[in-house]
Amino acid sequence: MVVVILGIMAAIVVPQFAGTAQDAQIGAFISSVKTYADAAEYYAAREGSYPVDGSSGVVPAGFEAYIDEDEWTQGTPMGGVWDTEFNDSGVTAAVGVHFNGGTNPGDSVMILVDERFDNGDLATGSFRKLANDRYYYVLAP
């Protein structure tokens, strides 16, 4: 009887924690994106241009003085790797995640991220899907 009651309680509680973990990942990802976007804006103010278009997971040349390089290279809280775009992918400058063949949480999760940034539409606004496995905060359209 006790085992049955514990099983019922676990069935009720466990799904609630799964949603909480995803919310925590989304919150951490948004915080990191904002931090890197602010660093890129500061970089642009001091250097006269946004960070160059870097290789996914590699800190763009000169940007390491503005961010924690170890955090950048460890990847994002959602998986994937950090990346910058400069005069590429239809934007002037952007910072975001490239899932690079790894586990991509998909548009449904990234729309939740977008809703916290702006309009919940990955095709427009400040947070966009720039390619199949790339989601970026657009610094300059």
N, C-alpha and C. Protein backbone atom coordinates (compact mmCIF):
# COMPACT_ATOMS: atom_id res chain seq x y z
N MET A 1 0.82 -1.19 0.00
CA MET A 1 0.00 0.00 0.00
C MET A 1 0.87 1.26 0.00
N VAL A 2 1.90 1.26 0.82
CA VAL A 2 2.81 2.41 0.90
C VAL A 2 3.50 2.63 -0.44
N VAL A 3 3.91 1.57 -1.09
CA VAL A 3 4.59 1.67 -2.38
C VAL A 3 3.65 2.28 -3.42
N VAL A 4 2.39 1.91 -3.41
CA VAL A 4 1.41 2.44 -4.35
C VAL A 4 1.23 3.94 -4.12
N ILE A 5 1.11 4.33 -2.87
CA ILE A 5 0.94 5.76 -2.53
C ILE A 5 2.16 6.55 -2.96
N LEU A 6 3.36 6.03 -2.70
CA LEU A 6 4.58 6.72 -3.13
C LEU A 6 4.66 6.81 -4.65
N GLY A 7 4.22 5.77 -5.35
CA GLY A 7 4.21 5.79 -6.81
C GLY A 7 3.27 6.86 -7.35
N ILE A 8 2.11 6.98 -6.74
CA ILE A 8 1.14 8.01 -7.16
C ILE A 8 1.71 9.40 -6.90
N MET A 9 2.31 9.60 -5.75
CA MET A 9 2.91 10.91 -5.42
C MET A 9 4.03 11.24 -6.39
N ALA A 10 4.85 10.26 -6.73
CA ALA A 10 5.95 10.50 -7.67
C ALA A 10 5.41 10.86 -9.05
N ALA A 11 4.33 10.20 -9.46
CA ALA A 11 3.74 10.49 -10.77
C ALA A 11 3.20 11.92 -10.83
N ILE A 12 2.80 12.46 -9.71
CA ILE A 12 2.28 13.83 -9.66
C ILE A 12 3.43 14.84 -9.60
N VAL A 13 4.44 14.56 -8.81
CA VAL A 13 5.51 15.53 -8.54
C VAL A 13 6.58 15.58 -9.63
N VAL A 14 7.00 14.46 -10.18
CA VAL A 14 8.11 14.41 -11.13
C VAL A 14 7.87 15.28 -12.37
N PRO A 15 6.71 15.25 -13.01
CA PRO A 15 6.51 16.12 -14.18
C PRO A 15 6.62 17.62 -13.84
N GLN A 16 6.24 17.99 -12.64
CA GLN A 16 6.36 19.39 -12.23
C GLN A 16 7.82 19.81 -12.16
N PHE A 17 8.69 18.93 -11.71
CA PHE A 17 10.11 19.25 -11.64
C PHE A 17 10.74 19.32 -13.02
N ALA A 18 10.25 18.52 -13.96
CA ALA A 18 10.78 18.55 -15.33
C ALA A 18 10.56 19.92 -15.95
N GLY A 19 9.38 20.50 -15.76
CA GLY A 19 9.10 21.84 -16.26
C GLY A 19 9.97 22.89 -15.59
N THR A 20 10.22 22.70 -14.31
CA THR A 20 11.05 23.64 -13.56
C THR A 20 12.49 23.61 -14.07
N ALA A 21 13.00 22.45 -14.40
CA ALA A 21 14.37 22.34 -14.92
C ALA A 21 14.48 23.06 -16.26
N GLN A 22 13.48 22.91 -17.12
CA GLN A 22 13.51 23.59 -18.41
C GLN A 22 13.42 25.11 -18.22
N ASP A 23 12.58 25.55 -17.29
CA ASP A 23 12.49 26.99 -16.99
C ASP A 23 13.83 27.53 -16.50
N ALA A 24 14.52 26.75 -15.68
CA ALA A 24 15.82 27.18 -15.17
C ALA A 24 16.84 27.26 -16.31
N GLN A 25 16.83 26.29 -17.22
CA GLN A 25 17.73 26.32 -18.38
C GLN A 25 17.45 27.54 -19.24
N ILE A 26 16.19 27.80 -19.49
CA ILE A 26 15.81 28.96 -20.31
C ILE A 26 16.25 30.25 -19.64
N GLY A 27 16.03 30.36 -18.34
CA GLY A 27 16.44 31.56 -17.60
C GLY A 27 17.94 31.77 -17.64
N ALA A 28 18.70 30.69 -17.46
CA ALA A 28 20.16 30.79 -17.50
C ALA A 28 20.64 31.16 -18.90
N PHE A 29 20.01 30.59 -19.92
CA PHE A 29 20.37 30.90 -21.30
C PHE A 29 20.11 32.37 -21.60
N ILE A 30 18.95 32.86 -21.23
CA ILE A 30 18.59 34.27 -21.47
C ILE A 30 19.56 35.19 -20.77
N SER A 31 19.90 34.88 -19.53
CA SER A 31 20.86 35.69 -18.78
C SER A 31 22.21 35.73 -19.49
N SER A 32 22.67 34.59 -19.97
CA SER A 32 23.95 34.53 -20.67
C SER A 32 23.90 35.30 -21.99
N VAL A 33 22.81 35.14 -22.74
CA VAL A 33 22.68 35.88 -24.00
C VAL A 33 22.73 37.37 -23.74
N LYS A 34 22.02 37.82 -22.73
CA LYS A 34 22.02 39.26 -22.40
C LYS A 34 23.42 39.73 -22.00
N THR A 35 24.12 38.92 -21.24
CA THR A 35 25.49 39.26 -20.84
C THR A 35 26.39 39.40 -22.06
N TYR A 36 26.32 38.43 -22.98
CA TYR A 36 27.16 38.48 -24.18
C TYR A 36 26.73 39.60 -25.12
N ALA A 37 25.44 39.87 -25.20
CA ALA A 37 24.96 40.98 -26.04
C ALA A 37 25.47 42.31 -25.48
N ASP A 38 25.41 42.48 -24.16
CA ASP A 38 25.93 43.70 -23.54
C ASP A 38 27.44 43.83 -23.78
N ALA A 39 28.15 42.71 -23.67
CA ALA A 39 29.60 42.73 -23.91
C ALA A 39 29.89 43.10 -25.36
N ALA A 40 29.09 42.59 -26.30
CA ALA A 40 29.30 42.91 -27.72
C ALA A 40 29.00 44.39 -27.99
N GLU A 41 27.99 44.94 -27.32
CA GLU A 41 27.69 46.37 -27.47
C GLU A 41 28.83 47.22 -26.91
N TYR A 42 29.36 46.80 -25.78
CA TYR A 42 30.50 47.51 -25.17
C TYR A 42 31.72 47.42 -26.09
N TYR A 43 31.95 46.22 -26.63
CA TYR A 43 33.04 46.01 -27.58
C TYR A 43 32.89 46.96 -28.76
N ALA A 44 31.68 47.04 -29.31
CA ALA A 44 31.42 47.91 -30.47
C ALA A 44 31.66 49.38 -30.13
N ALA A 45 31.28 49.78 -28.94
CA ALA A 45 31.47 51.18 -28.52
C ALA A 45 32.97 51.50 -28.41
N ARG A 46 33.74 50.55 -27.91
CA ARG A 46 35.18 50.79 -27.72
C ARG A 46 36.00 50.55 -28.98
N GLU A 47 35.62 49.55 -29.77
CA GLU A 47 36.43 49.14 -30.92
C GLU A 47 35.93 49.72 -32.25
N GLY A 48 34.72 50.26 -32.25
CA GLY A 48 34.17 50.85 -33.46
C GLY A 48 33.47 49.87 -34.39
N SER A 49 33.35 48.61 -33.97
CA SER A 49 32.70 47.58 -34.77
C SER A 49 32.31 46.42 -33.85
N TYR A 50 31.33 45.67 -34.25
CA TYR A 50 30.96 44.48 -33.47
C TYR A 50 32.02 43.40 -33.62
N PRO A 51 32.02 42.41 -32.72
CA PRO A 51 32.98 41.30 -32.87
C PRO A 51 32.82 40.62 -34.23
N VAL A 52 33.91 40.12 -34.75
CA VAL A 52 33.90 39.48 -36.07
C VAL A 52 33.07 38.20 -36.04
N ASP A 53 32.72 37.73 -37.22
CA ASP A 53 32.00 36.48 -37.37
C ASP A 53 32.95 35.35 -36.98
N GLY A 54 32.71 34.74 -35.83
CA GLY A 54 33.63 33.72 -35.34
C GLY A 54 33.19 32.32 -35.67
N SER A 55 34.07 31.39 -35.48
CA SER A 55 33.73 29.98 -35.60
C SER A 55 32.90 29.59 -34.38
N SER A 56 31.92 28.76 -34.59
CA SER A 56 31.05 28.33 -33.49
C SER A 56 31.87 27.71 -32.37
N GLY A 57 31.64 28.19 -31.15
CA GLY A 57 32.33 27.68 -29.98
C GLY A 57 33.68 28.30 -29.71
N VAL A 58 34.14 29.18 -30.60
CA VAL A 58 35.45 29.82 -30.46
C VAL A 58 35.22 31.32 -30.22
N VAL A 59 35.90 31.87 -29.23
CA VAL A 59 35.76 33.29 -28.93
C VAL A 59 36.34 34.10 -30.10
N PRO A 60 35.56 35.04 -30.65
CA PRO A 60 36.08 35.88 -31.74
C PRO A 60 37.30 36.68 -31.29
N ALA A 61 38.23 36.88 -32.18
CA ALA A 61 39.46 37.61 -31.87
C ALA A 61 39.13 38.97 -31.27
N GLY A 62 39.74 39.25 -30.13
CA GLY A 62 39.57 40.52 -29.44
C GLY A 62 38.43 40.54 -28.45
N PHE A 63 37.47 39.62 -28.59
CA PHE A 63 36.29 39.61 -27.72
C PHE A 63 36.61 39.00 -26.35
N GLU A 64 37.70 38.25 -26.27
CA GLU A 64 38.05 37.60 -25.00
C GLU A 64 38.32 38.60 -23.88
N ALA A 65 38.69 39.83 -24.23
CA ALA A 65 38.93 40.85 -23.21
C ALA A 65 37.62 41.37 -22.60
N TYR A 66 36.49 41.03 -23.21
CA TYR A 66 35.20 41.56 -22.78
C TYR A 66 34.30 40.51 -22.13
N ILE A 67 34.70 39.25 -22.18
CA ILE A 67 33.89 38.17 -21.63
C ILE A 67 34.77 37.18 -20.87
N ASP A 68 34.12 36.23 -20.20
CA ASP A 68 34.83 35.13 -19.57
C ASP A 68 34.99 34.03 -20.63
N GLU A 69 36.20 33.88 -21.12
CA GLU A 69 36.48 32.94 -22.20
C GLU A 69 36.09 31.51 -21.85
N ASP A 70 36.32 31.10 -20.60
CA ASP A 70 35.98 29.73 -20.19
C ASP A 70 34.48 29.49 -20.27
N GLU A 71 33.68 30.46 -19.84
CA GLU A 71 32.23 30.30 -19.92
C GLU A 71 31.77 30.20 -21.37
N TRP A 72 32.36 31.01 -22.24
CA TRP A 72 32.00 30.97 -23.66
C TRP A 72 32.27 29.60 -24.27
N THR A 73 33.46 29.06 -23.99
CA THR A 73 33.86 27.80 -24.63
C THR A 73 33.18 26.58 -24.00
N GLN A 74 32.60 26.72 -22.82
CA GLN A 74 31.89 25.60 -22.18
C GLN A 74 30.55 25.32 -22.86
N GLY A 75 30.06 26.25 -23.63
CA GLY A 75 28.77 26.07 -24.28
C GLY A 75 27.65 26.74 -23.52
N THR A 76 26.46 26.65 -24.08
CA THR A 76 25.32 27.35 -23.49
C THR A 76 24.59 26.47 -22.48
N PRO A 77 23.79 27.07 -21.61
CA PRO A 77 23.00 26.27 -20.66
C PRO A 77 21.96 25.36 -21.33
N MET A 78 21.66 25.61 -22.61
CA MET A 78 20.67 24.81 -23.33
C MET A 78 21.34 23.74 -24.21
N GLY A 79 22.66 23.68 -24.18
CA GLY A 79 23.39 22.82 -25.11
C GLY A 79 23.88 23.68 -26.26
N GLY A 80 24.57 23.09 -27.18
CA GLY A 80 25.12 23.87 -28.29
C GLY A 80 26.28 24.74 -27.85
N VAL A 81 26.77 25.55 -28.79
CA VAL A 81 27.92 26.40 -28.51
C VAL A 81 27.59 27.85 -28.84
N TRP A 82 28.29 28.76 -28.18
CA TRP A 82 28.10 30.19 -28.45
C TRP A 82 28.72 30.54 -29.80
N ASP A 83 28.15 31.56 -30.40
CA ASP A 83 28.62 31.97 -31.72
C ASP A 83 28.27 33.44 -31.93
N THR A 84 29.02 34.08 -32.82
CA THR A 84 28.71 35.44 -33.24
C THR A 84 28.52 35.46 -34.74
N GLU A 85 27.72 36.37 -35.20
CA GLU A 85 27.54 36.61 -36.63
C GLU A 85 27.87 38.07 -36.89
N PHE A 86 28.57 38.33 -37.97
CA PHE A 86 28.88 39.70 -38.37
C PHE A 86 28.80 39.78 -39.88
N ASN A 87 27.84 40.57 -40.36
CA ASN A 87 27.58 40.69 -41.80
C ASN A 87 27.41 39.32 -42.46
N ASP A 88 26.62 38.49 -41.79
CA ASP A 88 26.37 37.14 -42.27
C ASP A 88 24.98 36.71 -41.82
N SER A 89 24.42 35.71 -42.44
CA SER A 89 23.12 35.15 -42.08
C SER A 89 22.00 36.19 -42.07
N GLY A 90 22.14 37.22 -42.88
CA GLY A 90 21.09 38.22 -43.02
C GLY A 90 21.04 39.28 -41.94
N VAL A 91 22.07 39.35 -41.09
CA VAL A 91 22.13 40.38 -40.04
C VAL A 91 23.49 41.05 -40.05
N THR A 92 23.52 42.25 -39.47
CA THR A 92 24.80 42.95 -39.33
C THR A 92 25.60 42.35 -38.19
N ALA A 93 24.94 42.17 -37.03
CA ALA A 93 25.64 41.60 -35.88
C ALA A 93 24.65 40.86 -34.98
N ALA A 94 25.10 39.72 -34.45
CA ALA A 94 24.26 38.92 -33.57
C ALA A 94 25.13 38.01 -32.71
N VAL A 95 24.58 37.62 -31.57
CA VAL A 95 25.25 36.66 -30.70
C VAL A 95 24.21 35.62 -30.31
N GLY A 96 24.61 34.33 -30.33
CA GLY A 96 23.64 33.30 -30.00
C GLY A 96 24.22 31.92 -29.94
N VAL A 97 23.34 30.95 -30.16
CA VAL A 97 23.70 29.55 -30.02
C VAL A 97 23.64 28.85 -31.38
N HIS A 98 24.63 28.01 -31.59
CA HIS A 98 24.67 27.13 -32.76
C HIS A 98 24.68 25.72 -32.20
N PHE A 99 23.64 24.96 -32.48
CA PHE A 99 23.57 23.61 -31.94
C PHE A 99 24.50 22.66 -32.67
N ASN A 100 25.00 23.06 -33.83
CA ASN A 100 26.14 22.41 -34.47
C ASN A 100 26.04 20.89 -34.51
N GLY A 101 24.85 20.39 -34.85
CA GLY A 101 24.68 18.94 -34.93
C GLY A 101 24.38 18.29 -33.59
N GLY A 102 24.45 19.05 -32.50
CA GLY A 102 24.14 18.50 -31.18
C GLY A 102 22.65 18.49 -30.92
N THR A 103 22.27 18.20 -29.70
CA THR A 103 20.87 18.16 -29.33
C THR A 103 20.27 19.55 -29.38
N ASN A 104 19.32 19.73 -30.24
CA ASN A 104 18.64 21.01 -30.43
C ASN A 104 17.28 20.89 -29.74
N PRO A 105 16.98 21.77 -28.76
CA PRO A 105 15.68 21.66 -28.09
C PRO A 105 14.51 21.97 -29.01
N GLY A 106 14.78 22.57 -30.16
CA GLY A 106 13.74 22.80 -31.15
C GLY A 106 13.05 24.15 -31.02
N ASP A 107 12.29 24.45 -32.05
CA ASP A 107 11.62 25.74 -32.11
C ASP A 107 10.65 25.96 -30.95
N SER A 108 9.97 24.90 -30.51
CA SER A 108 8.98 25.09 -29.44
C SER A 108 9.62 25.64 -28.17
N VAL A 109 10.80 25.18 -27.83
CA VAL A 109 11.51 25.69 -26.65
C VAL A 109 12.09 27.07 -26.94
N MET A 110 12.65 27.24 -28.13
CA MET A 110 13.25 28.53 -28.45
C MET A 110 12.20 29.63 -28.60
N ILE A 111 10.96 29.27 -28.91
CA ILE A 111 9.87 30.26 -28.92
C ILE A 111 9.63 30.74 -27.49
N LEU A 112 9.76 29.88 -26.50
CA LEU A 112 9.63 30.29 -25.11
C LEU A 112 10.71 31.30 -24.74
N VAL A 113 11.92 31.08 -25.27
CA VAL A 113 13.00 32.05 -25.07
C VAL A 113 12.62 33.37 -25.73
N ASP A 114 12.17 33.28 -26.97
CA ASP A 114 11.80 34.47 -27.73
C ASP A 114 10.69 35.26 -27.04
N GLU A 115 9.74 34.58 -26.44
CA GLU A 115 8.64 35.27 -25.75
C GLU A 115 9.17 36.13 -24.60
N ARG A 116 10.25 35.71 -24.00
CA ARG A 116 10.83 36.51 -22.89
C ARG A 116 11.64 37.68 -23.42
N PHE A 117 12.15 37.56 -24.65
CA PHE A 117 12.89 38.68 -25.26
C PHE A 117 11.94 39.68 -25.90
N ASP A 118 11.01 39.16 -26.72
CA ASP A 118 10.14 40.10 -27.42
C ASP A 118 8.81 39.49 -27.84
N ASN A 119 8.66 39.02 -29.08
CA ASN A 119 7.35 38.76 -29.64
C ASN A 119 6.96 37.30 -29.84
N GLY A 120 7.78 36.36 -29.47
CA GLY A 120 7.45 34.95 -29.64
C GLY A 120 7.47 34.46 -31.08
N ASP A 121 8.04 35.27 -31.98
CA ASP A 121 8.12 34.92 -33.40
C ASP A 121 9.60 34.83 -33.77
N LEU A 122 10.06 33.63 -34.06
CA LEU A 122 11.48 33.43 -34.35
C LEU A 122 11.93 34.03 -35.68
N ALA A 123 10.99 34.51 -36.49
CA ALA A 123 11.33 35.10 -37.78
C ALA A 123 11.56 36.61 -37.69
N THR A 124 11.11 37.23 -36.60
CA THR A 124 11.23 38.69 -36.45
C THR A 124 11.66 39.04 -35.03
N GLY A 125 11.94 40.32 -34.82
CA GLY A 125 12.27 40.80 -33.48
C GLY A 125 13.74 40.68 -33.15
N SER A 126 14.04 40.81 -31.87
CA SER A 126 15.44 40.82 -31.45
C SER A 126 16.03 39.42 -31.28
N PHE A 127 15.20 38.41 -31.08
CA PHE A 127 15.69 37.03 -30.97
C PHE A 127 15.11 36.26 -32.15
N ARG A 128 16.01 35.67 -32.96
CA ARG A 128 15.57 35.04 -34.21
C ARG A 128 16.27 33.72 -34.46
N LYS A 129 15.61 32.93 -35.28
CA LYS A 129 16.21 31.71 -35.82
C LYS A 129 16.84 32.12 -37.14
N LEU A 130 18.17 32.08 -37.21
CA LEU A 130 18.87 32.52 -38.42
C LEU A 130 19.13 31.38 -39.40
N ALA A 131 19.13 30.16 -38.90
CA ALA A 131 19.33 28.99 -39.76
C ALA A 131 18.75 27.79 -39.02
N ASN A 132 18.83 26.62 -39.63
CA ASN A 132 18.19 25.43 -39.10
C ASN A 132 18.52 25.15 -37.63
N ASP A 133 19.73 25.31 -37.23
CA ASP A 133 20.13 24.99 -35.86
C ASP A 133 20.82 26.17 -35.18
N ARG A 134 20.43 27.40 -35.55
CA ARG A 134 21.06 28.62 -35.03
C ARG A 134 20.00 29.62 -34.57
N TYR A 135 20.11 30.06 -33.31
CA TYR A 135 19.19 31.02 -32.72
C TYR A 135 20.01 32.15 -32.11
N TYR A 136 19.69 33.39 -32.49
CA TYR A 136 20.55 34.51 -32.13
C TYR A 136 19.77 35.72 -31.63
N TYR A 137 20.42 36.45 -30.73
CA TYR A 137 19.95 37.76 -30.32
C TYR A 137 20.59 38.76 -31.30
N VAL A 138 19.75 39.47 -32.03
CA VAL A 138 20.25 40.37 -33.08
C VAL A 138 20.61 41.71 -32.46
N LEU A 139 21.88 42.07 -32.60
CA LEU A 139 22.38 43.35 -32.10
C LEU A 139 22.13 44.47 -33.09
N ALA A 140 22.33 44.18 -34.36
CA ALA A 140 22.08 45.14 -35.45
C ALA A 140 21.54 44.37 -36.64
N PRO A 141 20.30 44.72 -37.06
CA PRO A 141 19.67 43.97 -38.17
C PRO A 141 20.39 44.02 -39.47
